[in-house]
């Protein structure tokens, strides 16, 4: 949310990445998701990971 706020304040991408300690790729993903589906889209984790050994 902070990254989106900073972008709305016309802060450049490099500075946003430094302040939020994120990569340019991550910032681009956040911006794309916010344009596609707003806040709700950003709340989605999308992490698939590996199945836990406990589930086997």
PDB file of N, CA and C in Angstrom:
ATOM      1  N   UNK A   1       0.820  -1.183   0.000  1.00  0.00           N
ATOM      2  CA  UNK A   1       0.000   0.000   0.000  1.00  0.00           C
ATOM      3  C   UNK A   1       0.872   1.258   0.000  1.00  0.00           C
ATOM      4  N   UNK A   2       1.968   1.167   0.741  1.00  0.00           N
ATOM      5  CA  UNK A   2       2.868   2.310   0.802  1.00  0.00           C
ATOM      6  C   UNK A   2       3.432   2.631  -0.577  1.00  0.00           C
ATOM      7  N   UNK A   3       3.789   1.602  -1.313  1.00  0.00           N
ATOM      8  CA  UNK A   3       4.348   1.807  -2.652  1.00  0.00           C
ATOM      9  C   UNK A   3       3.328   2.495  -3.560  1.00  0.00           C
ATOM     10  N   UNK A   4       2.082   2.068  -3.481  1.00  0.00           N
ATOM     11  CA  UNK A   4       1.035   2.685  -4.300  1.00  0.00           C
ATOM     12  C   UNK A   4       0.794   4.135  -3.893  1.00  0.00           C
ATOM     13  N   UNK A   5       0.823   4.378  -2.588  1.00  0.00           N
ATOM     14  CA  UNK A   5       0.655   5.752  -2.116  1.00  0.00           C
ATOM     15  C   UNK A   5       1.782   6.645  -2.646  1.00  0.00           C
ATOM     16  N   UNK A   6       3.013   6.167  -2.539  1.00  0.00           N
ATOM     17  CA  UNK A   6       4.146   6.962  -3.009  1.00  0.00           C
ATOM     18  C   UNK A   6       4.048   7.226  -4.507  1.00  0.00           C
ATOM     19  N   UNK A   7       3.608   6.222  -5.253  1.00  0.00           N
ATOM     20  CA  UNK A   7       3.435   6.394  -6.702  1.00  0.00           C
ATOM     21  C   UNK A   7       2.378   7.459  -6.977  1.00  0.00           C
ATOM     22  N   UNK A   8       1.312   7.476  -6.188  1.00  0.00           N
ATOM     23  CA  UNK A   8       0.258   8.481  -6.376  1.00  0.00           C
ATOM     24  C   UNK A   8       0.754   9.887  -6.062  1.00  0.00           C
ATOM     25  N   UNK A   9       1.832   9.979  -5.292  1.00  0.00           N
ATOM     26  CA  UNK A   9       2.419  11.273  -4.941  1.00  0.00           C
ATOM     27  C   UNK A   9       3.517  11.692  -5.920  1.00  0.00           C
ATOM     28  N   UNK A  10       3.588  10.979  -7.042  1.00  0.00           N
ATOM     29  CA  UNK A  10       4.529  11.286  -8.127  1.00  0.00           C
ATOM     30  C   UNK A  10       5.996  11.055  -7.750  1.00  0.00           C
ATOM     31  N   UNK A  11       6.227  10.146  -6.799  1.00  0.00           N
ATOM     32  CA  UNK A  11       7.598   9.768  -6.445  1.00  0.00           C
ATOM     33  C   UNK A  11       8.099   8.810  -7.525  1.00  0.00           C
ATOM     34  N   UNK A  12       9.358   8.955  -7.932  1.00  0.00           N
ATOM     35  CA  UNK A  12       9.853   8.084  -9.003  1.00  0.00           C
ATOM     36  C   UNK A  12      10.058   6.654  -8.505  1.00  0.00           C
ATOM     37  N   UNK A  13      10.063   5.724  -9.451  1.00  0.00           N
ATOM     38  CA  UNK A  13      10.097   4.300  -9.125  1.00  0.00           C
ATOM     39  C   UNK A  13      11.339   3.885  -8.348  1.00  0.00           C
ATOM     40  N   UNK A  14      12.476   4.436  -8.703  1.00  0.00           N
ATOM     41  CA  UNK A  14      13.721   4.076  -8.011  1.00  0.00           C
ATOM     42  C   UNK A  14      13.641   4.436  -6.532  1.00  0.00           C
ATOM     43  N   UNK A  15      13.127   5.619  -6.250  1.00  0.00           N
ATOM     44  CA  UNK A  15      13.000   6.079  -4.866  1.00  0.00           C
ATOM     45  C   UNK A  15      11.983   5.229  -4.107  1.00  0.00           C
ATOM     46  N   UNK A  16      10.878   4.897  -4.755  1.00  0.00           N
ATOM     47  CA  UNK A  16       9.864   4.050  -4.118  1.00  0.00           C
ATOM     48  C   UNK A  16      10.477   2.707  -3.730  1.00  0.00           C
ATOM     49  N   UNK A  17      11.241   2.121  -4.625  1.00  0.00           N
ATOM     50  CA  UNK A  17      11.882   0.835  -4.351  1.00  0.00           C
ATOM     51  C   UNK A  17      12.843   0.940  -3.170  1.00  0.00           C
ATOM     52  N   UNK A  18      13.567   2.025  -3.087  1.00  0.00           N
ATOM     53  CA  UNK A  18      14.493   2.222  -1.977  1.00  0.00           C
ATOM     54  C   UNK A  18      13.752   2.391  -0.659  1.00  0.00           C
ATOM     55  N   UNK A  19      12.711   3.208  -0.657  1.00  0.00           N
ATOM     56  CA  UNK A  19      11.944   3.462   0.562  1.00  0.00           C
ATOM     57  C   UNK A  19      11.257   2.192   1.055  1.00  0.00           C
ATOM     58  N   UNK A  20      10.648   1.465   0.145  1.00  0.00           N
ATOM     59  CA  UNK A  20       9.873   0.267   0.498  1.00  0.00           C
ATOM     60  C   UNK A  20      10.721  -0.993   0.566  1.00  0.00           C
ATOM     61  N   UNK A  21      11.975  -0.877   0.133  1.00  0.00           N
ATOM     62  CA  UNK A  21      12.902  -2.017   0.110  1.00  0.00           C
ATOM     63  C   UNK A  21      12.334  -3.172  -0.710  1.00  0.00           C
ATOM     64  N   UNK A  22      11.918  -2.830  -1.932  1.00  0.00           N
ATOM     65  CA  UNK A  22      11.411  -3.818  -2.872  1.00  0.00           C
ATOM     66  C   UNK A  22      12.146  -3.666  -4.192  1.00  0.00           C
ATOM     67  N   UNK A  23      12.056  -4.683  -5.027  1.00  0.00           N
ATOM     68  CA  UNK A  23      12.709  -4.621  -6.336  1.00  0.00           C
ATOM     69  C   UNK A  23      11.813  -3.895  -7.332  1.00  0.00           C
ATOM     70  N   UNK A  24      12.406  -3.511  -8.449  1.00  0.00           N
ATOM     71  CA  UNK A  24      11.636  -2.871  -9.517  1.00  0.00           C
ATOM     72  C   UNK A  24      10.574  -3.825 -10.052  1.00  0.00           C
ATOM     73  N   UNK A  25      10.912  -5.118 -10.110  1.00  0.00           N
ATOM     74  CA  UNK A  25       9.968  -6.128 -10.578  1.00  0.00           C
ATOM     75  C   UNK A  25       8.753  -6.203  -9.655  1.00  0.00           C
ATOM     76  N   UNK A  26       8.998  -6.196  -8.354  1.00  0.00           N
ATOM     77  CA  UNK A  26       7.910  -6.250  -7.375  1.00  0.00           C
ATOM     78  C   UNK A  26       7.025  -5.016  -7.491  1.00  0.00           C
ATOM     79  N   UNK A  27       7.623  -3.856  -7.626  1.00  0.00           N
ATOM     80  CA  UNK A  27       6.847  -2.629  -7.776  1.00  0.00           C
ATOM     81  C   UNK A  27       5.977  -2.703  -9.024  1.00  0.00           C
ATOM     82  N   UNK A  28       6.541  -3.162 -10.115  1.00  0.00           N
ATOM     83  CA  UNK A  28       5.775  -3.294 -11.352  1.00  0.00           C
ATOM     84  C   UNK A  28       4.598  -4.240 -11.167  1.00  0.00           C
ATOM     85  N   UNK A  29       4.820  -5.335 -10.448  1.00  0.00           N
ATOM     86  CA  UNK A  29       3.747  -6.293 -10.181  1.00  0.00           C
ATOM     87  C   UNK A  29       2.641  -5.641  -9.353  1.00  0.00           C
ATOM     88  N   UNK A  30       3.012  -4.903  -8.326  1.00  0.00           N
ATOM     89  CA  UNK A  30       2.024  -4.211  -7.488  1.00  0.00           C
ATOM     90  C   UNK A  30       1.196  -3.236  -8.321  1.00  0.00           C
ATOM     91  N   UNK A  31       1.864  -2.458  -9.149  1.00  0.00           N
ATOM     92  CA  UNK A  31       1.162  -1.467  -9.966  1.00  0.00           C
ATOM     93  C   UNK A  31       0.218  -2.140 -10.959  1.00  0.00           C
ATOM     94  N   UNK A  32       0.689  -3.236 -11.567  1.00  0.00           N
ATOM     95  CA  UNK A  32      -0.139  -3.960 -12.532  1.00  0.00           C
ATOM     96  C   UNK A  32      -1.374  -4.540 -11.855  1.00  0.00           C
ATOM     97  N   UNK A  33      -1.173  -5.172 -10.690  1.00  0.00           N
ATOM     98  CA  UNK A  33      -2.294  -5.764  -9.967  1.00  0.00           C
ATOM     99  C   UNK A  33      -3.295  -4.703  -9.534  1.00  0.00           C
ATOM    100  N   UNK A  34      -2.810  -3.558  -9.096  1.00  0.00           N
ATOM    101  CA  UNK A  34      -3.729  -2.503  -8.648  1.00  0.00           C
ATOM    102  C   UNK A  34      -4.554  -1.961  -9.815  1.00  0.00           C
ATOM    103  N   UNK A  35      -3.964  -1.920 -10.993  1.00  0.00           N
ATOM    104  CA  UNK A  35      -4.708  -1.456 -12.171  1.00  0.00           C
ATOM    105  C   UNK A  35      -5.735  -2.494 -12.617  1.00  0.00           C
ATOM    106  N   UNK A  36      -5.389  -3.766 -12.468  1.00  0.00           N
ATOM    107  CA  UNK A  36      -6.283  -4.845 -12.895  1.00  0.00           C
ATOM    108  C   UNK A  36      -7.482  -5.024 -11.976  1.00  0.00           C
ATOM    109  N   UNK A  37      -7.245  -4.934 -10.668  1.00  0.00           N
ATOM    110  CA  UNK A  37      -8.336  -5.263  -9.754  1.00  0.00           C
ATOM    111  C   UNK A  37      -8.366  -4.477  -8.465  1.00  0.00           C
ATOM    112  N   UNK A  38      -7.637  -3.393  -8.412  1.00  0.00           N
ATOM    113  CA  UNK A  38      -7.652  -2.553  -7.218  1.00  0.00           C
ATOM    114  C   UNK A  38      -7.064  -3.241  -5.995  1.00  0.00           C
ATOM    115  N   UNK A  39      -7.515  -2.798  -4.828  1.00  0.00           N
ATOM    116  CA  UNK A  39      -6.994  -3.296  -3.558  1.00  0.00           C
ATOM    117  C   UNK A  39      -7.251  -4.797  -3.403  1.00  0.00           C
ATOM    118  N   UNK A  40      -8.420  -5.255  -3.809  1.00  0.00           N
ATOM    119  CA  UNK A  40      -8.757  -6.670  -3.666  1.00  0.00           C
ATOM    120  C   UNK A  40      -7.768  -7.562  -4.406  1.00  0.00           C
ATOM    121  N   UNK A  41      -7.345  -7.155  -5.570  1.00  0.00           N
ATOM    122  CA  UNK A  41      -6.370  -7.934  -6.351  1.00  0.00           C
ATOM    123  C   UNK A  41      -5.020  -7.979  -5.631  1.00  0.00           C
ATOM    124  N   UNK A  42      -4.662  -6.887  -4.964  1.00  0.00           N
ATOM    125  CA  UNK A  42      -3.392  -6.843  -4.240  1.00  0.00           C
ATOM    126  C   UNK A  42      -3.401  -7.742  -3.005  1.00  0.00           C
ATOM    127  N   UNK A  43      -4.559  -7.993  -2.453  1.00  0.00           N
ATOM    128  CA  UNK A  43      -4.668  -8.818  -1.250  1.00  0.00           C
ATOM    129  C   UNK A  43      -4.441 -10.298  -1.539  1.00  0.00           C
ATOM    130  N   UNK A  44      -4.573 -10.708  -2.800  1.00  0.00           N
ATOM    131  CA  UNK A  44      -4.375 -12.107  -3.161  1.00  0.00           C
ATOM    132  C   UNK A  44      -2.912 -12.495  -3.003  1.00  0.00           C
ATOM    133  N   UNK A  45      -2.663 -13.614  -2.343  1.00  0.00           N
ATOM    134  CA  UNK A  45      -1.287 -14.070  -2.146  1.00  0.00           C
ATOM    135  C   UNK A  45      -0.718 -14.695  -3.408  1.00  0.00           C
ATOM    136  N   UNK A  46      -1.404 -15.667  -3.950  1.00  0.00           N
ATOM    137  CA  UNK A  46      -0.927 -16.307  -5.161  1.00  0.00           C
ATOM    138  C   UNK A  46       0.272 -17.213  -4.951  1.00  0.00           C
ATOM    139  N   UNK A  47       0.640 -17.462  -3.687  1.00  0.00           N
ATOM    140  CA  UNK A  47       1.784 -18.324  -3.395  1.00  0.00           C
ATOM    141  C   UNK A  47       1.374 -19.778  -3.522  1.00  0.00           C
ATOM    142  N   UNK A  48       2.058 -20.519  -4.352  1.00  0.00           N
ATOM    143  CA  UNK A  48       1.719 -21.918  -4.557  1.00  0.00           C
ATOM    144  C   UNK A  48       2.626 -22.816  -3.727  1.00  0.00           C
ATOM    145  N   UNK A  49       3.904 -22.559  -3.715  1.00  0.00           N
ATOM    146  CA  UNK A  49       4.844 -23.305  -2.890  1.00  0.00           C
ATOM    147  C   UNK A  49       4.752 -24.811  -3.053  1.00  0.00           C
ATOM    148  N   UNK A  50       5.390 -25.520  -2.146  1.00  0.00           N
ATOM    149  CA  UNK A  50       5.387 -26.976  -2.169  1.00  0.00           C
ATOM    150  C   UNK A  50       4.433 -27.502  -1.106  1.00  0.00           C
ATOM    151  N   UNK A  51       3.850 -28.643  -1.395  1.00  0.00           N
ATOM    152  CA  UNK A  51       2.950 -29.273  -0.423  1.00  0.00           C
ATOM    153  C   UNK A  51       3.765 -29.677   0.810  1.00  0.00           C
ATOM    154  N   UNK A  52       3.198 -29.463   1.963  1.00  0.00           N
ATOM    155  CA  UNK A  52       3.843 -29.825   3.220  1.00  0.00           C
ATOM    156  C   UNK A  52       3.989 -31.334   3.332  1.00  0.00           C
ATOM    157  N   UNK A  53       5.069 -31.771   3.907  1.00  0.00           N
ATOM    158  CA  UNK A  53       5.288 -33.195   4.156  1.00  0.00           C
ATOM    159  C   UNK A  53       4.197 -33.732   5.090  1.00  0.00           C
ATOM    160  N   UNK A  54       3.625 -32.889   5.926  1.00  0.00           N
ATOM    161  CA  UNK A  54       2.583 -33.302   6.857  1.00  0.00           C
ATOM    162  C   UNK A  54       1.289 -33.669   6.136  1.00  0.00           C
ATOM    163  N   UNK A  55       1.086 -33.151   4.936  1.00  0.00           N
ATOM    164  CA  UNK A  55      -0.118 -33.435   4.180  1.00  0.00           C
ATOM    165  C   UNK A  55      -0.036 -34.741   3.395  1.00  0.00           C
ATOM    166  N   UNK A  56       1.114 -35.357   3.372  1.00  0.00           N
ATOM    167  CA  UNK A  56       1.301 -36.579   2.582  1.00  0.00           C
ATOM    168  C   UNK A  56       0.982 -37.812   3.385  1.00  0.00           C
TER     169      UNK A  56
END
